[in-house]
Each structure stands twice: as structure tokens, then as C-alpha cells.
Amino acid sequence: MKKYNLINCRPTDFVPDMPEEKRRASTYKANHFEAFTQTPIEYDKRRVFSWDTVKDFYIS
């Protein structure tokens, strides 16, 4: 759906071993039909990190 601009998404990073209390949800918003496209567009995808790589960012 993002590929054809049906929705906007603010993806959060995926950290498989992150404690549940530190996790945040991605945000999705439906676009008005006039913004839809038949041509695929580039969009940001979720990044994957290990907890050891990002824990300083979430703890401090």
C-alpha cells in the first residue's frame, strides 16, 4: 500500500530482542484517494538492529 501511496507510514526500527516496555508502534495514516498513484514509488522500510547496538539510545 505504501508503494502506491495509499498510506503514509513512519516505521520504527525492528529490534527483535528489545524489551517490550521499550517498543514503539509504527504510525500509519490513510491518504486521500487523489494522492494514490499507479506508478510505484520509493518509501522508507523498517531497519533491523540488535538490542546491543541501540540500547544506549533507548536507555539514556
PDB file of N, CA and C in Angstrom:
ATOM      1  N   MET A   1       0.820  -1.193   0.000  1.00  0.00           N
ATOM      2  CA  MET A   1       0.000   0.000   0.000  1.00  0.00           C
ATOM      3  C   MET A   1       0.865   1.258   0.000  1.00  0.00           C
ATOM      4  N   LYS A   2       2.000   1.192   0.694  1.00  0.00           N
ATOM      5  CA  LYS A   2       2.910   2.344   0.677  1.00  0.00           C
ATOM      6  C   LYS A   2       3.466   2.573  -0.725  1.00  0.00           C
ATOM      7  N   LYS A   3       3.672   1.488  -1.429  1.00  0.00           N
ATOM      8  CA  LYS A   3       4.276   1.557  -2.760  1.00  0.00           C
ATOM      9  C   LYS A   3       3.436   2.387  -3.731  1.00  0.00           C
ATOM     10  N   TYR A   4       2.120   2.433  -3.511  1.00  0.00           N
ATOM     11  CA  TYR A   4       1.223   3.188  -4.390  1.00  0.00           C
ATOM     12  C   TYR A   4       0.591   4.381  -3.681  1.00  0.00           C
ATOM     13  N   ASN A   5       1.203   4.793  -2.570  1.00  0.00           N
ATOM     14  CA  ASN A   5       0.825   5.988  -1.821  1.00  0.00           C
ATOM     15  C   ASN A   5      -0.595   5.925  -1.259  1.00  0.00           C
ATOM     16  N   LEU A   6      -1.090   4.724  -0.978  1.00  0.00           N
ATOM     17  CA  LEU A   6      -2.388   4.598  -0.337  1.00  0.00           C
ATOM     18  C   LEU A   6      -2.299   4.986   1.132  1.00  0.00           C
ATOM     19  N   ILE A   7      -1.125   4.738   1.725  1.00  0.00           N
ATOM     20  CA  ILE A   7      -0.908   5.091   3.130  1.00  0.00           C
ATOM     21  C   ILE A   7       0.459   5.743   3.290  1.00  0.00           C
ATOM     22  N   ASN A   8       0.596   6.514   4.355  1.00  0.00           N
ATOM     23  CA  ASN A   8       1.898   7.012   4.810  1.00  0.00           C
ATOM     24  C   ASN A   8       2.249   6.216   6.053  1.00  0.00           C
ATOM     25  N   CYS A   9       3.524   5.964   6.223  1.00  0.00           N
ATOM     26  CA  CYS A   9       3.965   5.196   7.383  1.00  0.00           C
ATOM     27  C   CYS A   9       5.232   5.800   7.936  1.00  0.00           C
ATOM     28  N   ARG A  10       5.279   5.895   9.262  1.00  0.00           N
ATOM     29  CA  ARG A  10       6.512   6.252   9.954  1.00  0.00           C
ATOM     30  C   ARG A  10       6.978   4.983  10.647  1.00  0.00           C
ATOM     31  N   PRO A  11       7.836   4.209   9.978  1.00  0.00           N
ATOM     32  CA  PRO A  11       8.229   2.921  10.555  1.00  0.00           C
ATOM     33  C   PRO A  11       9.203   3.090  11.715  1.00  0.00           C
ATOM     34  N   THR A  12       9.032   2.257  12.730  1.00  0.00           N
ATOM     35  CA  THR A  12      10.008   2.216  13.817  1.00  0.00           C
ATOM     36  C   THR A  12      11.010   1.118  13.495  1.00  0.00           C
ATOM     37  N   ASP A  13      12.180   1.233  14.053  1.00  0.00           N
ATOM     38  CA  ASP A  13      13.202   0.219  13.837  1.00  0.00           C
ATOM     39  C   ASP A  13      12.769  -1.092  14.484  1.00  0.00           C
ATOM     40  N   PHE A  14      13.129  -2.204  13.857  1.00  0.00           N
ATOM     41  CA  PHE A  14      12.806  -3.521  14.385  1.00  0.00           C
ATOM     42  C   PHE A  14      14.009  -4.039  15.154  1.00  0.00           C
ATOM     43  N   VAL A  15      13.810  -4.291  16.441  1.00  0.00           N
ATOM     44  CA  VAL A  15      14.867  -4.809  17.307  1.00  0.00           C
ATOM     45  C   VAL A  15      14.291  -6.063  17.979  1.00  0.00           C
ATOM     46  N   PRO A  16      14.601  -7.250  17.440  1.00  0.00           N
ATOM     47  CA  PRO A  16      13.960  -8.478  17.917  1.00  0.00           C
ATOM     48  C   PRO A  16      14.094  -8.731  19.413  1.00  0.00           C
ATOM     49  N   ASP A  17      15.225  -8.415  20.008  1.00  0.00           N
ATOM     50  CA  ASP A  17      15.432  -8.717  21.421  1.00  0.00           C
ATOM     51  C   ASP A  17      15.210  -7.515  22.342  1.00  0.00           C
ATOM     52  N   MET A  18      14.506  -6.499  21.859  1.00  0.00           N
ATOM     53  CA  MET A  18      14.221  -5.319  22.675  1.00  0.00           C
ATOM     54  C   MET A  18      13.155  -5.655  23.726  1.00  0.00           C
ATOM     55  N   PRO A  19      13.329  -5.189  24.971  1.00  0.00           N
ATOM     56  CA  PRO A  19      12.302  -5.415  25.985  1.00  0.00           C
ATOM     57  C   PRO A  19      10.967  -4.773  25.563  1.00  0.00           C
ATOM     58  N   GLU A  20       9.875  -5.427  25.910  1.00  0.00           N
ATOM     59  CA  GLU A  20       8.552  -4.952  25.480  1.00  0.00           C
ATOM     60  C   GLU A  20       8.258  -3.524  25.915  1.00  0.00           C
ATOM     61  N   GLU A  21       8.697  -3.128  27.095  1.00  0.00           N
ATOM     62  CA  GLU A  21       8.387  -1.779  27.588  1.00  0.00           C
ATOM     63  C   GLU A  21       9.107  -0.684  26.797  1.00  0.00           C
ATOM     64  N   LYS A  22      10.099  -1.038  25.998  1.00  0.00           N
ATOM     65  CA  LYS A  22      10.834  -0.056  25.189  1.00  0.00           C
ATOM     66  C   LYS A  22      10.319   0.026  23.753  1.00  0.00           C
ATOM     67  N   ARG A  23       9.460  -0.906  23.341  1.00  0.00           N
ATOM     68  CA  ARG A  23       8.993  -0.953  21.951  1.00  0.00           C
ATOM     69  C   ARG A  23       7.995   0.163  21.665  1.00  0.00           C
ATOM     70  N   ARG A  24       8.040   0.662  20.424  1.00  0.00           N
ATOM     71  CA  ARG A  24       7.096   1.679  19.970  1.00  0.00           C
ATOM     72  C   ARG A  24       6.440   1.189  18.685  1.00  0.00           C
ATOM     73  N   ALA A  25       5.215   1.569  18.487  1.00  0.00           N
ATOM     74  CA  ALA A  25       4.484   1.143  17.293  1.00  0.00           C
ATOM     75  C   ALA A  25       4.808   2.059  16.116  1.00  0.00           C
ATOM     76  N   SER A  26       4.735   1.493  14.915  1.00  0.00           N
ATOM     77  CA  SER A  26       4.828   2.313  13.704  1.00  0.00           C
ATOM     78  C   SER A  26       3.526   3.094  13.569  1.00  0.00           C
ATOM     79  N   THR A  27       3.571   4.228  12.879  1.00  0.00           N
ATOM     80  CA  THR A  27       2.397   5.069  12.696  1.00  0.00           C
ATOM     81  C   THR A  27       1.948   5.001  11.245  1.00  0.00           C
ATOM     82  N   TYR A  28       0.661   4.763  11.044  1.00  0.00           N
ATOM     83  CA  TYR A  28       0.103   4.669   9.698  1.00  0.00           C
ATOM     84  C   TYR A  28      -1.000   5.703   9.521  1.00  0.00           C
ATOM     85  N   LYS A  29      -1.099   6.255   8.317  1.00  0.00           N
ATOM     86  CA  LYS A  29      -2.137   7.232   8.009  1.00  0.00           C
ATOM     87  C   LYS A  29      -2.624   6.970   6.585  1.00  0.00           C
ATOM     88  N   ALA A  30      -3.937   6.859   6.413  1.00  0.00           N
ATOM     89  CA  ALA A  30      -4.503   6.660   5.078  1.00  0.00           C
ATOM     90  C   ALA A  30      -4.480   7.980   4.313  1.00  0.00           C
ATOM     91  N   ASN A  31      -4.092   7.922   3.048  1.00  0.00           N
ATOM     92  CA  ASN A  31      -4.067   9.118   2.204  1.00  0.00           C
ATOM     93  C   ASN A  31      -5.402   9.301   1.492  1.00  0.00           C
ATOM     94  N   HIS A  32      -5.671  10.521   1.096  1.00  0.00           N
ATOM     95  CA  HIS A  32      -6.850  10.821   0.285  1.00  0.00           C
ATOM     96  C   HIS A  32      -6.674  10.156  -1.073  1.00  0.00           C
ATOM     97  N   PHE A  33      -7.754   9.702  -1.676  1.00  0.00           N
ATOM     98  CA  PHE A  33      -7.657   8.934  -2.918  1.00  0.00           C
ATOM     99  C   PHE A  33      -6.973   9.706  -4.038  1.00  0.00           C
ATOM    100  N   GLU A  34      -7.003  11.026  -4.003  1.00  0.00           N
ATOM    101  CA  GLU A  34      -6.351  11.810  -5.056  1.00  0.00           C
ATOM    102  C   GLU A  34      -4.823  11.708  -4.991  1.00  0.00           C
ATOM    103  N   ALA A  35      -4.299  11.255  -3.859  1.00  0.00           N
ATOM    104  CA  ALA A  35      -2.847  11.111  -3.703  1.00  0.00           C
ATOM    105  C   ALA A  35      -2.353   9.743  -4.193  1.00  0.00           C
ATOM    106  N   PHE A  36      -3.270   8.813  -4.458  1.00  0.00           N
ATOM    107  CA  PHE A  36      -2.883   7.477  -4.909  1.00  0.00           C
ATOM    108  C   PHE A  36      -2.161   7.577  -6.248  1.00  0.00           C
ATOM    109  N   THR A  37      -1.297   6.592  -6.521  1.00  0.00           N
ATOM    110  CA  THR A  37      -0.567   6.576  -7.773  1.00  0.00           C
ATOM    111  C   THR A  37      -0.585   5.176  -8.375  1.00  0.00           C
ATOM    112  N   GLN A  38      -0.504   5.094  -9.674  1.00  0.00           N
ATOM    113  CA  GLN A  38      -0.408   3.788 -10.339  1.00  0.00           C
ATOM    114  C   GLN A  38       1.053   3.416 -10.582  1.00  0.00           C
ATOM    115  N   THR A  39       1.927   4.387 -10.403  1.00  0.00           N
ATOM    116  CA  THR A  39       3.357   4.171 -10.569  1.00  0.00           C
ATOM    117  C   THR A  39       3.985   3.904  -9.204  1.00  0.00           C
ATOM    118  N   PRO A  40       4.705   2.808  -9.051  1.00  0.00           N
ATOM    119  CA  PRO A  40       5.343   2.522  -7.756  1.00  0.00           C
ATOM    120  C   PRO A  40       6.307   3.639  -7.346  1.00  0.00           C
ATOM    121  N   ILE A  41       6.328   3.941  -6.059  1.00  0.00           N
ATOM    122  CA  ILE A  41       7.216   4.970  -5.529  1.00  0.00           C
ATOM    123  C   ILE A  41       8.163   4.346  -4.498  1.00  0.00           C
ATOM    124  N   GLU A  42       9.278   5.003  -4.251  1.00  0.00           N
ATOM    125  CA  GLU A  42      10.217   4.567  -3.221  1.00  0.00           C
ATOM    126  C   GLU A  42       9.678   4.993  -1.850  1.00  0.00           C
ATOM    127  N   TYR A  43       9.947   4.195  -0.844  1.00  0.00           N
ATOM    128  CA  TYR A  43       9.500   4.529   0.502  1.00  0.00           C
ATOM    129  C   TYR A  43      10.473   3.949   1.515  1.00  0.00           C
ATOM    130  N   ASP A  44      10.454   4.504   2.733  1.00  0.00           N
ATOM    131  CA  ASP A  44      11.333   4.036   3.806  1.00  0.00           C
ATOM    132  C   ASP A  44      10.824   2.712   4.348  1.00  0.00           C
ATOM    133  N   LYS A  45      11.742   1.790   4.540  1.00  0.00           N
ATOM    134  CA  LYS A  45      11.404   0.487   5.102  1.00  0.00           C
ATOM    135  C   LYS A  45      11.996   0.390   6.496  1.00  0.00           C
ATOM    136  N   ARG A  46      11.455  -0.525   7.286  1.00  0.00           N
ATOM    137  CA  ARG A  46      11.975  -0.727   8.634  1.00  0.00           C
ATOM    138  C   ARG A  46      13.407  -1.225   8.578  1.00  0.00           C
ATOM    139  N   ARG A  47      14.194  -0.715   9.511  1.00  0.00           N
ATOM    140  CA  ARG A  47      15.571  -1.183   9.641  1.00  0.00           C
ATOM    141  C   ARG A  47      15.622  -2.191  10.789  1.00  0.00           C
ATOM    142  N   VAL A  48      16.537  -3.126  10.715  1.00  0.00           N
ATOM    143  CA  VAL A  48      16.688  -4.145  11.748  1.00  0.00           C
ATOM    144  C   VAL A  48      18.011  -3.922  12.474  1.00  0.00           C
ATOM    145  N   PHE A  49      17.927  -3.876  13.804  1.00  0.00           N
ATOM    146  CA  PHE A  49      19.109  -3.682  14.645  1.00  0.00           C
ATOM    147  C   PHE A  49      19.096  -4.706  15.768  1.00  0.00           C
ATOM    148  N   SER A  50      20.263  -4.969  16.329  1.00  0.00           N
ATOM    149  CA  SER A  50      20.313  -5.784  17.540  1.00  0.00           C
ATOM    150  C   SER A  50      20.139  -4.843  18.741  1.00  0.00           C
ATOM    151  N   TRP A  51      19.658  -5.385  19.832  1.00  0.00           N
ATOM    152  CA  TRP A  51      19.450  -4.591  21.042  1.00  0.00           C
ATOM    153  C   TRP A  51      20.771  -3.999  21.530  1.00  0.00           C
ATOM    154  N   ASP A  52      21.855  -4.748  21.428  1.00  0.00           N
ATOM    155  CA  ASP A  52      23.165  -4.248  21.859  1.00  0.00           C
ATOM    156  C   ASP A  52      23.584  -3.001  21.081  1.00  0.00           C
ATOM    157  N   THR A  53      23.171  -2.896  19.840  1.00  0.00           N
ATOM    158  CA  THR A  53      23.520  -1.746  19.006  1.00  0.00           C
ATOM    159  C   THR A  53      22.761  -0.487  19.416  1.00  0.00           C
ATOM    160  N   VAL A  54      21.511  -0.617  19.849  1.00  0.00           N
ATOM    161  CA  VAL A  54      20.668   0.571  20.074  1.00  0.00           C
ATOM    162  C   VAL A  54      20.281   0.818  21.521  1.00  0.00           C
ATOM    163  N   LYS A  55      20.660  -0.041  22.448  1.00  0.00           N
ATOM    164  CA  LYS A  55      20.142   0.100  23.822  1.00  0.00           C
ATOM    165  C   LYS A  55      20.571   1.421  24.469  1.00  0.00           C
ATOM    166  N   ASP A  56      21.742   1.950  24.168  1.00  0.00           N
ATOM    167  CA  ASP A  56      22.162   3.229  24.744  1.00  0.00           C
ATOM    168  C   ASP A  56      21.227   4.351  24.333  1.00  0.00           C
ATOM    169  N   PHE A  57      20.716   4.310  23.115  1.00  0.00           N
ATOM    170  CA  PHE A  57      19.784   5.323  22.630  1.00  0.00           C
ATOM    171  C   PHE A  57      18.456   5.258  23.401  1.00  0.00           C
ATOM    172  N   TYR A  58      17.969   4.053  23.691  1.00  0.00           N
ATOM    173  CA  TYR A  58      16.675   3.886  24.350  1.00  0.00           C
ATOM    174  C   TYR A  58      16.754   4.047  25.864  1.00  0.00           C
ATOM    175  N   ILE A  59      17.904   3.792  26.446  1.00  0.00           N
ATOM    176  CA  ILE A  59      18.037   3.865  27.904  1.00  0.00           C
ATOM    177  C   ILE A  59      18.354   5.280  28.376  1.00  0.00           C
ATOM    178  N   SER A  60      19.139   6.012  27.616  1.00  0.00           N
ATOM    179  CA  SER A  60      19.520   7.360  28.067  1.00  0.00           C
ATOM    180  C   SER A  60      18.508   8.405  27.702  1.00  0.00           C
TER     181      SER A  60
END
